[in-house]
Amino acid sequence: MLLTRLCALLAKVCLMLAVAGLVAIIAAVAYQVFGRYVLNDTPTWAEALAMVLVLYVTMLGAAVGVRDAGHIGMESLLILVPEAVRLKLEIVIHALVAVFGALMAWNGATLAESVWGYNIPTLGIPEGLNHVPVTAAGALIVLFSVEHIIALVKGDEVIPAWH
């Protein structure tokens, strides 16, 4: 199905970006430590960059966690109910996660827009960039939740992106 292929591709891209972000965080922090203790000249931008990157890595990882069912779930309780009830409960759970994602996207966009005119002093980039990953992750969570709901209705299973 086209939606499944699209979601799998998006999830893989998010994972690759998250890994690249982790590498960049390590490099920025290492450079900050090197500058502080070896050069005796702490680079002020390194900490701010690491903080921004943490937001991107976390939000991308959260979105992929929703798609790949890597989040905390209540499977132990769901196995105790009959199959017909379990399917309905799983659909409700994914619908609630989609609502949460939509709220994340909406409020993240609102917050990003409200602070876009301010700059992060040490980086010279708009403060709103801190809230873009919340918006993107929220939209991805909605998309991935819809994918799960469709798969449940069709009797299919969503294969994790890292397989």
Protein backbone atom coordinates (compact mmCIF):
# COMPACT_ATOMS: atom_id res chain seq x y z
CA MET A 1 0.00 0.00 0.00
CA LEU A 2 1.23 3.48 -0.88
CA LEU A 3 0.61 4.93 2.59
CA THR A 4 2.64 2.17 4.24
CA ARG A 5 5.57 2.67 1.86
CA LEU A 6 5.44 6.44 2.38
CA CYS A 7 5.30 6.10 6.17
CA ALA A 8 8.15 3.56 6.18
CA LEU A 9 10.27 5.91 4.07
CA LEU A 10 9.47 8.88 6.30
CA ALA A 11 10.30 6.86 9.40
CA LYS A 12 13.65 5.74 7.94
CA VAL A 13 14.52 9.32 6.97
CA CYS A 14 13.58 10.48 10.49
CA LEU A 15 15.80 7.79 12.00
CA MET A 16 18.73 8.78 9.79
CA LEU A 17 18.25 12.47 10.65
CA ALA A 18 18.04 11.60 14.34
CA VAL A 19 21.29 9.63 14.16
CA ALA A 20 22.96 12.51 12.29
CA GLY A 21 21.63 14.84 14.97
CA LEU A 22 23.10 12.67 17.72
CA VAL A 23 26.48 12.73 15.99
CA ALA A 24 26.25 16.52 15.69
CA ILE A 25 25.34 16.81 19.39
CA ILE A 26 28.37 14.72 20.33
CA ALA A 27 30.60 16.85 18.10
CA ALA A 28 29.24 20.13 19.50
CA VAL A 29 29.63 19.02 23.12
CA ALA A 30 33.10 17.59 22.45
CA TYR A 31 34.14 20.88 20.85
CA GLN A 32 32.71 22.78 23.81
CA VAL A 33 34.68 20.66 26.28
CA PHE A 34 37.83 20.97 24.14
CA GLY A 35 37.40 24.73 23.94
CA ARG A 36 36.80 25.08 27.66
CA TYR A 37 39.59 22.87 28.98
CA VAL A 38 42.23 22.90 26.26
CA LEU A 39 41.86 26.27 24.55
CA ASN A 40 40.55 28.01 27.69
CA ASP A 41 38.02 29.71 25.39
CA THR A 42 34.53 28.24 25.67
CA PRO A 43 32.57 28.45 22.41
CA THR A 44 29.24 29.95 23.44
CA TRP A 45 27.34 28.62 20.44
CA ALA A 46 28.10 24.93 21.08
CA GLU A 47 25.75 24.52 24.04
CA ALA A 48 22.90 26.36 22.31
CA LEU A 49 23.36 24.24 19.18
CA ALA A 50 23.34 21.03 21.22
CA MET A 51 20.10 22.12 22.92
CA VAL A 52 18.40 22.82 19.58
CA LEU A 53 19.59 19.50 18.17
CA VAL A 54 18.28 17.62 21.22
CA LEU A 55 14.80 18.91 20.41
CA TYR A 56 15.03 17.66 16.82
CA VAL A 57 16.44 14.26 17.78
CA THR A 58 13.85 13.75 20.52
CA MET A 59 10.86 14.74 18.41
CA LEU A 60 11.93 12.70 15.38
CA GLY A 61 12.53 9.72 17.64
CA ALA A 62 9.12 10.14 19.29
CA ALA A 63 7.36 10.15 15.93
CA VAL A 64 9.17 7.02 14.78
CA GLY A 65 8.42 5.43 18.14
CA VAL A 66 4.72 5.87 17.45
CA ARG A 67 5.00 4.25 14.03
CA ASP A 68 7.20 1.39 15.15
CA ALA A 69 5.18 0.84 18.35
CA GLY A 70 8.24 1.63 20.43
CA HIS A 71 6.25 3.65 22.94
CA ILE A 72 4.94 2.44 26.26
CA GLY A 73 1.71 0.54 25.74
CA MET A 74 -0.88 -1.37 27.67
CA GLU A 75 -0.51 -4.64 25.76
CA SER A 76 -0.58 -6.63 28.96
CA LEU A 77 -4.15 -5.50 29.60
CA LEU A 78 -5.23 -5.82 25.97
CA ILE A 79 -4.40 -9.53 25.83
CA LEU A 80 -6.96 -10.16 28.56
CA VAL A 81 -9.94 -8.93 26.51
CA PRO A 82 -11.68 -10.75 23.65
CA GLU A 83 -10.31 -10.19 20.12
CA ALA A 84 -13.26 -8.06 18.96
CA VAL A 85 -12.92 -5.75 21.96
CA ARG A 86 -9.13 -5.65 21.60
CA LEU A 87 -9.38 -4.43 18.00
CA LYS A 88 -11.76 -1.64 19.00
CA LEU A 89 -9.56 -0.62 21.92
CA GLU A 90 -6.45 -0.55 19.72
CA ILE A 91 -8.26 1.69 17.23
CA VAL A 92 -9.34 4.01 20.06
CA ILE A 93 -5.77 4.12 21.38
CA HIS A 94 -4.37 5.05 17.96
CA ALA A 95 -7.12 7.64 17.48
CA LEU A 96 -6.23 9.22 20.84
CA VAL A 97 -2.55 9.25 19.88
CA ALA A 98 -3.52 10.94 16.60
CA VAL A 99 -5.46 13.60 18.52
CA PHE A 100 -2.42 14.14 20.73
CA GLY A 101 -0.23 14.48 17.60
CA ALA A 102 -2.65 16.97 16.06
CA LEU A 103 -2.55 19.06 19.23
CA MET A 104 1.25 18.89 19.21
CA ALA A 105 1.36 20.05 15.58
CA TRP A 106 -1.13 22.87 16.09
CA ASN A 107 0.36 24.22 19.30
CA GLY A 108 3.94 23.76 18.09
CA ALA A 109 3.15 25.80 14.97
CA THR A 110 1.40 28.47 17.02
CA LEU A 111 4.35 28.72 19.39
CA ALA A 112 6.90 28.75 16.56
CA GLU A 113 5.03 31.56 14.84
CA SER A 114 4.76 33.57 18.04
CA VAL A 115 8.53 33.60 18.69
CA TRP A 116 9.84 33.53 15.11
CA GLY A 117 10.84 37.20 15.30
CA TYR A 118 13.26 36.57 18.17
CA ASN A 119 16.74 35.17 17.61
CA ILE A 120 18.73 32.72 19.69
CA PRO A 121 21.56 35.12 20.58
CA THR A 122 24.50 32.71 20.37
CA LEU A 123 23.34 31.11 17.10
CA GLY A 124 21.67 33.99 15.28
CA ILE A 125 18.76 31.80 14.17
CA PRO A 126 15.06 32.34 14.90
CA GLU A 127 13.79 31.08 18.25
CA GLY A 128 10.86 29.56 16.36
CA LEU A 129 13.19 26.87 15.00
CA ASN A 130 13.07 25.34 18.49
CA HIS A 131 9.38 24.58 17.95
CA VAL A 132 9.47 23.32 14.37
CA PRO A 133 10.33 19.75 15.45
CA VAL A 134 7.27 19.65 17.74
CA THR A 135 5.09 20.65 14.79
CA ALA A 136 6.69 18.15 12.43
CA ALA A 137 6.59 15.32 14.98
CA GLY A 138 2.94 16.04 15.70
CA ALA A 139 2.06 15.84 12.01
CA LEU A 140 4.06 12.62 11.63
CA ILE A 141 2.35 11.13 14.69
CA VAL A 142 -1.05 11.84 13.12
CA LEU A 143 0.06 10.23 9.85
CA PHE A 144 1.54 7.19 11.56
CA SER A 145 -1.53 6.75 13.78
CA VAL A 146 -3.79 6.84 10.72
CA GLU A 147 -1.54 4.20 9.14
CA HIS A 148 -2.00 1.99 12.22
CA ILE A 149 -5.77 2.45 12.22
CA ILE A 150 -6.01 1.51 8.53
CA ALA A 151 -3.78 -1.52 9.11
CA LEU A 152 -5.94 -2.65 12.04
CA VAL A 153 -9.14 -2.31 10.04
CA LYS A 154 -7.63 -4.25 7.13
CA GLY A 155 -6.13 -6.89 9.41
CA ASP A 156 -2.57 -5.96 8.44
CA GLU A 157 0.45 -5.28 10.59
CA VAL A 158 2.72 -2.23 10.39
CA ILE A 159 6.30 -3.42 9.91
CA PRO A 160 8.80 -1.27 11.87
CA ALA A 161 11.00 0.97 9.74
CA TRP A 162 14.23 -0.44 11.20
CA HIS A 163 13.55 -3.97 9.92
